[in-house]
Amino acid sequence: MKKASTFRLHEDVQAGLDLISQLQHRPKNKLVNEAVAEYVTRHSMQTEEALHHALERLKAYQRTDPGFEQAIEAFVDAEVSHSKHEDPMEGEIAPSSGPVSDTLRQLIDA
């Protein structure tokens, strides 16, 4: 299914698109669709690789501190050492950061 979208292009990009469309006798819509599809594919792979790398780092950390005892101790120490300073978030529930944070939390807890 196709969906109409509106985008603003810089003048030089629009001029290049117009020229390529004329020279190749291909509709600009087709050229833009191909370019965006290529961009999404390339950046999706890069994002997936970055997430995989982050997950591997998290797993490696989890192996060094399986029960997160060291992390919890460091957190408690930081809370105690900064308790003399006023915490603007004290007593407030922090909102979830979104689906990526939720997924990472699930993976860490697994």
N, C-alpha and C. Protein backbone atom coordinates (compact mmCIF):
# COMPACT_ATOMS: atom_id res chain seq x y z
N MET A 1 0.84 -1.17 0.00
CA MET A 1 0.00 0.00 0.00
C MET A 1 0.89 1.24 0.00
N LYS A 2 0.53 2.20 -0.79
CA LYS A 2 1.28 3.44 -0.89
C LYS A 2 0.58 4.51 -0.07
N LYS A 3 1.38 5.39 0.52
CA LYS A 3 0.85 6.47 1.33
C LYS A 3 1.52 7.77 0.87
N ALA A 4 0.73 8.79 0.69
CA ALA A 4 1.26 10.09 0.27
C ALA A 4 1.97 10.76 1.44
N SER A 5 3.12 11.36 1.17
CA SER A 5 3.89 12.08 2.17
C SER A 5 4.36 13.39 1.57
N THR A 6 4.59 14.37 2.41
CA THR A 6 5.07 15.66 1.95
C THR A 6 6.42 15.93 2.59
N PHE A 7 7.41 16.27 1.77
CA PHE A 7 8.76 16.57 2.24
C PHE A 7 9.23 17.84 1.57
N ARG A 8 10.07 18.57 2.26
CA ARG A 8 10.69 19.75 1.67
C ARG A 8 12.14 19.40 1.37
N LEU A 9 12.55 19.65 0.15
CA LEU A 9 13.92 19.38 -0.28
C LEU A 9 14.66 20.69 -0.45
N HIS A 10 15.96 20.67 -0.17
CA HIS A 10 16.79 21.83 -0.46
C HIS A 10 16.77 22.05 -1.97
N GLU A 11 16.93 23.29 -2.37
CA GLU A 11 16.84 23.62 -3.79
C GLU A 11 17.83 22.82 -4.64
N ASP A 12 19.07 22.66 -4.14
CA ASP A 12 20.07 21.93 -4.92
C ASP A 12 19.72 20.46 -5.04
N VAL A 13 19.13 19.89 -4.00
CA VAL A 13 18.70 18.49 -4.05
C VAL A 13 17.56 18.34 -5.05
N GLN A 14 16.62 19.28 -5.00
CA GLN A 14 15.48 19.25 -5.93
C GLN A 14 15.97 19.39 -7.37
N ALA A 15 16.94 20.27 -7.60
CA ALA A 15 17.48 20.45 -8.96
C ALA A 15 18.16 19.17 -9.44
N GLY A 16 18.92 18.53 -8.56
CA GLY A 16 19.57 17.27 -8.92
C GLY A 16 18.55 16.18 -9.22
N LEU A 17 17.50 16.11 -8.42
CA LEU A 17 16.44 15.13 -8.65
C LEU A 17 15.75 15.38 -9.99
N ASP A 18 15.47 16.64 -10.27
CA ASP A 18 14.84 16.99 -11.55
C ASP A 18 15.72 16.55 -12.73
N LEU A 19 17.02 16.84 -12.62
CA LEU A 19 17.94 16.51 -13.70
C LEU A 19 18.04 14.99 -13.91
N ILE A 20 18.21 14.25 -12.82
CA ILE A 20 18.30 12.78 -12.94
C ILE A 20 17.02 12.21 -13.52
N SER A 21 15.89 12.74 -13.07
CA SER A 21 14.60 12.27 -13.58
C SER A 21 14.50 12.48 -15.09
N GLN A 22 14.93 13.64 -15.56
CA GLN A 22 14.90 13.94 -17.00
C GLN A 22 15.86 13.05 -17.77
N LEU A 23 17.09 12.92 -17.27
CA LEU A 23 18.11 12.15 -17.99
C LEU A 23 17.79 10.66 -18.04
N GLN A 24 17.22 10.14 -16.97
CA GLN A 24 16.92 8.71 -16.92
C GLN A 24 15.50 8.38 -17.38
N HIS A 25 14.73 9.41 -17.67
CA HIS A 25 13.32 9.22 -18.09
C HIS A 25 12.58 8.37 -17.05
N ARG A 26 12.78 8.74 -15.80
CA ARG A 26 12.12 8.01 -14.70
C ARG A 26 11.41 9.02 -13.81
N PRO A 27 10.27 8.65 -13.28
CA PRO A 27 9.53 9.58 -12.41
C PRO A 27 10.32 9.90 -11.14
N LYS A 28 10.21 11.16 -10.71
CA LYS A 28 10.88 11.58 -9.48
C LYS A 28 10.39 10.75 -8.28
N ASN A 29 9.12 10.43 -8.26
CA ASN A 29 8.57 9.64 -7.17
C ASN A 29 9.30 8.30 -7.04
N LYS A 30 9.57 7.67 -8.17
CA LYS A 30 10.27 6.38 -8.17
C LYS A 30 11.69 6.55 -7.65
N LEU A 31 12.38 7.60 -8.10
CA LEU A 31 13.74 7.85 -7.65
C LEU A 31 13.80 8.11 -6.15
N VAL A 32 12.86 8.91 -5.65
CA VAL A 32 12.83 9.22 -4.22
C VAL A 32 12.53 7.96 -3.42
N ASN A 33 11.58 7.14 -3.87
CA ASN A 33 11.26 5.89 -3.18
C ASN A 33 12.48 4.97 -3.10
N GLU A 34 13.21 4.86 -4.20
CA GLU A 34 14.41 4.01 -4.21
C GLU A 34 15.46 4.55 -3.25
N ALA A 35 15.66 5.86 -3.27
CA ALA A 35 16.67 6.48 -2.40
C ALA A 35 16.31 6.31 -0.92
N VAL A 36 15.06 6.54 -0.59
CA VAL A 36 14.63 6.41 0.81
C VAL A 36 14.70 4.95 1.25
N ALA A 37 14.29 4.03 0.39
CA ALA A 37 14.37 2.61 0.74
C ALA A 37 15.81 2.19 1.00
N GLU A 38 16.75 2.66 0.17
CA GLU A 38 18.16 2.35 0.36
C GLU A 38 18.66 2.93 1.68
N TYR A 39 18.28 4.17 1.97
CA TYR A 39 18.68 4.84 3.21
C TYR A 39 18.16 4.08 4.43
N VAL A 40 16.89 3.71 4.40
CA VAL A 40 16.28 2.99 5.53
C VAL A 40 16.97 1.65 5.73
N THR A 41 17.23 0.94 4.66
CA THR A 41 17.90 -0.36 4.77
C THR A 41 19.28 -0.21 5.37
N ARG A 42 20.06 0.74 4.86
CA ARG A 42 21.43 0.94 5.35
C ARG A 42 21.43 1.35 6.81
N HIS A 43 20.58 2.30 7.17
CA HIS A 43 20.58 2.79 8.55
C HIS A 43 19.92 1.80 9.51
N SER A 44 19.02 1.00 9.04
CA SER A 44 18.43 -0.04 9.88
C SER A 44 19.50 -1.06 10.27
N MET A 45 20.34 -1.43 9.30
CA MET A 45 21.42 -2.38 9.59
C MET A 45 22.42 -1.77 10.57
N GLN A 46 22.76 -0.49 10.38
CA GLN A 46 23.70 0.18 11.28
C GLN A 46 23.12 0.26 12.69
N THR A 47 21.83 0.58 12.80
CA THR A 47 21.18 0.67 14.10
C THR A 47 21.11 -0.70 14.76
N GLU A 48 20.81 -1.72 13.98
CA GLU A 48 20.77 -3.07 14.51
C GLU A 48 22.14 -3.49 15.03
N GLU A 49 23.18 -3.16 14.29
CA GLU A 49 24.54 -3.48 14.73
C GLU A 49 24.89 -2.75 16.02
N ALA A 50 24.51 -1.49 16.12
CA ALA A 50 24.79 -0.70 17.32
C ALA A 50 24.04 -1.28 18.52
N LEU A 51 22.79 -1.67 18.32
CA LEU A 51 22.02 -2.27 19.42
C LEU A 51 22.61 -3.62 19.83
N HIS A 52 23.04 -4.39 18.84
CA HIS A 52 23.65 -5.69 19.14
C HIS A 52 24.93 -5.48 19.95
N HIS A 53 25.74 -4.50 19.56
CA HIS A 53 26.98 -4.20 20.28
C HIS A 53 26.66 -3.77 21.72
N ALA A 54 25.65 -2.92 21.89
CA ALA A 54 25.26 -2.47 23.23
C ALA A 54 24.78 -3.65 24.08
N LEU A 55 24.02 -4.55 23.48
CA LEU A 55 23.54 -5.72 24.20
C LEU A 55 24.70 -6.62 24.62
N GLU A 56 25.68 -6.79 23.73
CA GLU A 56 26.84 -7.60 24.08
C GLU A 56 27.62 -6.97 25.23
N ARG A 57 27.74 -5.65 25.23
CA ARG A 57 28.41 -4.97 26.34
C ARG A 57 27.65 -5.15 27.64
N LEU A 58 26.31 -5.08 27.56
CA LEU A 58 25.49 -5.29 28.76
C LEU A 58 25.64 -6.72 29.29
N LYS A 59 25.65 -7.68 28.38
CA LYS A 59 25.83 -9.08 28.79
C LYS A 59 27.20 -9.30 29.41
N ALA A 60 28.23 -8.67 28.83
CA ALA A 60 29.58 -8.79 29.39
C ALA A 60 29.63 -8.19 30.78
N TYR A 61 28.98 -7.05 30.96
CA TYR A 61 28.94 -6.44 32.30
C TYR A 61 28.19 -7.34 33.26
N GLN A 62 27.08 -7.91 32.80
CA GLN A 62 26.28 -8.77 33.66
C GLN A 62 27.09 -9.99 34.11
N ARG A 63 27.99 -10.48 33.25
CA ARG A 63 28.83 -11.61 33.64
C ARG A 63 29.83 -11.21 34.73
N THR A 64 30.26 -9.95 34.73
CA THR A 64 31.22 -9.50 35.75
C THR A 64 30.53 -9.20 37.07
N ASP A 65 29.23 -8.92 37.04
CA ASP A 65 28.47 -8.57 38.25
C ASP A 65 27.08 -9.19 38.11
N PRO A 66 27.00 -10.55 38.19
CA PRO A 66 25.76 -11.26 37.87
C PRO A 66 24.52 -10.78 38.63
N GLY A 67 24.65 -10.53 39.89
CA GLY A 67 23.48 -10.08 40.66
C GLY A 67 23.39 -8.58 40.77
N PHE A 68 24.26 -7.90 40.05
CA PHE A 68 24.35 -6.44 40.08
C PHE A 68 24.66 -5.91 41.48
N GLU A 69 25.30 -6.76 42.33
CA GLU A 69 25.61 -6.33 43.68
C GLU A 69 26.54 -5.12 43.68
N GLN A 70 27.57 -5.15 42.84
CA GLN A 70 28.51 -4.02 42.78
C GLN A 70 27.80 -2.75 42.29
N ALA A 71 26.94 -2.91 41.30
CA ALA A 71 26.21 -1.76 40.77
C ALA A 71 25.27 -1.19 41.82
N ILE A 72 24.59 -2.07 42.54
CA ILE A 72 23.67 -1.62 43.58
C ILE A 72 24.44 -0.91 44.69
N GLU A 73 25.57 -1.49 45.08
CA GLU A 73 26.39 -0.88 46.13
C GLU A 73 26.89 0.50 45.69
N ALA A 74 27.32 0.63 44.45
CA ALA A 74 27.78 1.91 43.94
C ALA A 74 26.64 2.93 43.91
N PHE A 75 25.45 2.47 43.55
CA PHE A 75 24.28 3.36 43.52
C PHE A 75 23.95 3.84 44.93
N VAL A 76 23.93 2.91 45.89
CA VAL A 76 23.62 3.27 47.27
C VAL A 76 24.67 4.26 47.80
N ASP A 77 25.94 3.97 47.53
CA ASP A 77 27.00 4.88 47.98
C ASP A 77 26.81 6.28 47.39
N ALA A 78 26.46 6.34 46.13
CA ALA A 78 26.24 7.64 45.48
C ALA A 78 25.05 8.36 46.10
N GLU A 79 23.98 7.62 46.37
CA GLU A 79 22.79 8.22 47.00
C GLU A 79 23.14 8.78 48.37
N VAL A 80 23.89 8.00 49.15
CA VAL A 80 24.25 8.43 50.50
C VAL A 80 25.17 9.65 50.44
N SER A 81 26.16 9.62 49.56
CA SER A 81 27.12 10.71 49.50
C SER A 81 26.49 12.00 49.00
N HIS A 82 25.39 11.89 48.24
CA HIS A 82 24.73 13.09 47.73
C HIS A 82 23.45 13.41 48.48
N SER A 83 23.18 12.69 49.57
CA SER A 83 21.92 12.90 50.29
C SER A 83 21.84 14.27 50.93
N LYS A 84 22.98 14.90 51.17
CA LYS A 84 22.96 16.23 51.77
C LYS A 84 22.51 17.29 50.76
N HIS A 85 22.50 16.93 49.47
CA HIS A 85 22.02 17.84 48.42
C HIS A 85 20.56 17.52 48.14
N GLU A 86 19.80 18.53 47.83
CA GLU A 86 18.38 18.31 47.56
C GLU A 86 18.21 17.63 46.19
N ASP A 87 17.40 16.59 46.16
CA ASP A 87 17.13 15.84 44.94
C ASP A 87 15.78 16.29 44.39
N PRO A 88 15.73 16.97 43.24
CA PRO A 88 14.45 17.46 42.71
C PRO A 88 13.49 16.34 42.31
N MET A 89 14.00 15.13 42.11
CA MET A 89 13.13 14.01 41.71
C MET A 89 12.73 13.14 42.90
N GLU A 90 13.18 13.48 44.08
CA GLU A 90 12.90 12.66 45.25
C GLU A 90 11.40 12.48 45.42
N GLY A 91 10.99 11.23 45.52
CA GLY A 91 9.58 10.92 45.75
C GLY A 91 8.72 10.92 44.51
N GLU A 92 9.30 11.19 43.33
CA GLU A 92 8.53 11.19 42.09
C GLU A 92 8.90 9.98 41.25
N ILE A 93 7.92 9.41 40.60
CA ILE A 93 8.16 8.27 39.72
C ILE A 93 8.62 8.82 38.37
N ALA A 94 9.78 8.37 37.92
CA ALA A 94 10.31 8.80 36.63
C ALA A 94 9.57 8.05 35.53
N PRO A 95 9.15 8.76 34.49
CA PRO A 95 8.44 8.09 33.40
C PRO A 95 9.36 7.16 32.62
N SER A 96 8.76 6.16 32.00
CA SER A 96 9.52 5.25 31.15
C SER A 96 10.07 6.03 29.97
N SER A 97 11.25 5.65 29.51
CA SER A 97 11.87 6.36 28.39
C SER A 97 11.32 5.89 27.06
N GLY A 98 10.59 4.78 27.04
CA GLY A 98 10.03 4.32 25.78
C GLY A 98 10.29 2.85 25.54
N PRO A 99 9.92 2.37 24.35
CA PRO A 99 10.01 0.94 24.05
C PRO A 99 11.42 0.39 24.06
N VAL A 100 12.41 1.18 23.67
CA VAL A 100 13.79 0.68 23.67
C VAL A 100 14.25 0.44 25.10
N SER A 101 13.96 1.40 26.00
CA SER A 101 14.33 1.23 27.41
C SER A 101 13.61 0.03 28.01
N ASP A 102 12.34 -0.12 27.68
CA ASP A 102 11.58 -1.27 28.20
C ASP A 102 12.18 -2.58 27.73
N THR A 103 12.57 -2.65 26.45
CA THR A 103 13.17 -3.87 25.91
C THR A 103 14.51 -4.15 26.57
N LEU A 104 15.33 -3.10 26.76
CA LEU A 104 16.62 -3.30 27.43
C LEU A 104 16.42 -3.78 28.86
N ARG A 105 15.43 -3.21 29.55
CA ARG A 105 15.15 -3.67 30.93
C ARG A 105 14.77 -5.15 30.94
N GLN A 106 13.94 -5.55 29.98
CA GLN A 106 13.55 -6.96 29.90
C GLN A 106 14.75 -7.85 29.63
N LEU A 107 15.65 -7.42 28.75
CA LEU A 107 16.83 -8.22 28.43
C LEU A 107 17.77 -8.33 29.62
N ILE A 108 17.92 -7.24 30.36
CA ILE A 108 18.79 -7.26 31.53
C ILE A 108 18.22 -8.18 32.59
N ASP A 109 16.92 -8.17 32.76
CA ASP A 109 16.28 -8.99 33.79
C ASP A 109 16.21 -10.46 33.42
N ALA A 110 16.43 -10.78 32.12
CA ALA A 110 16.29 -12.17 31.66
C ALA A 110 17.36 -13.06 32.25
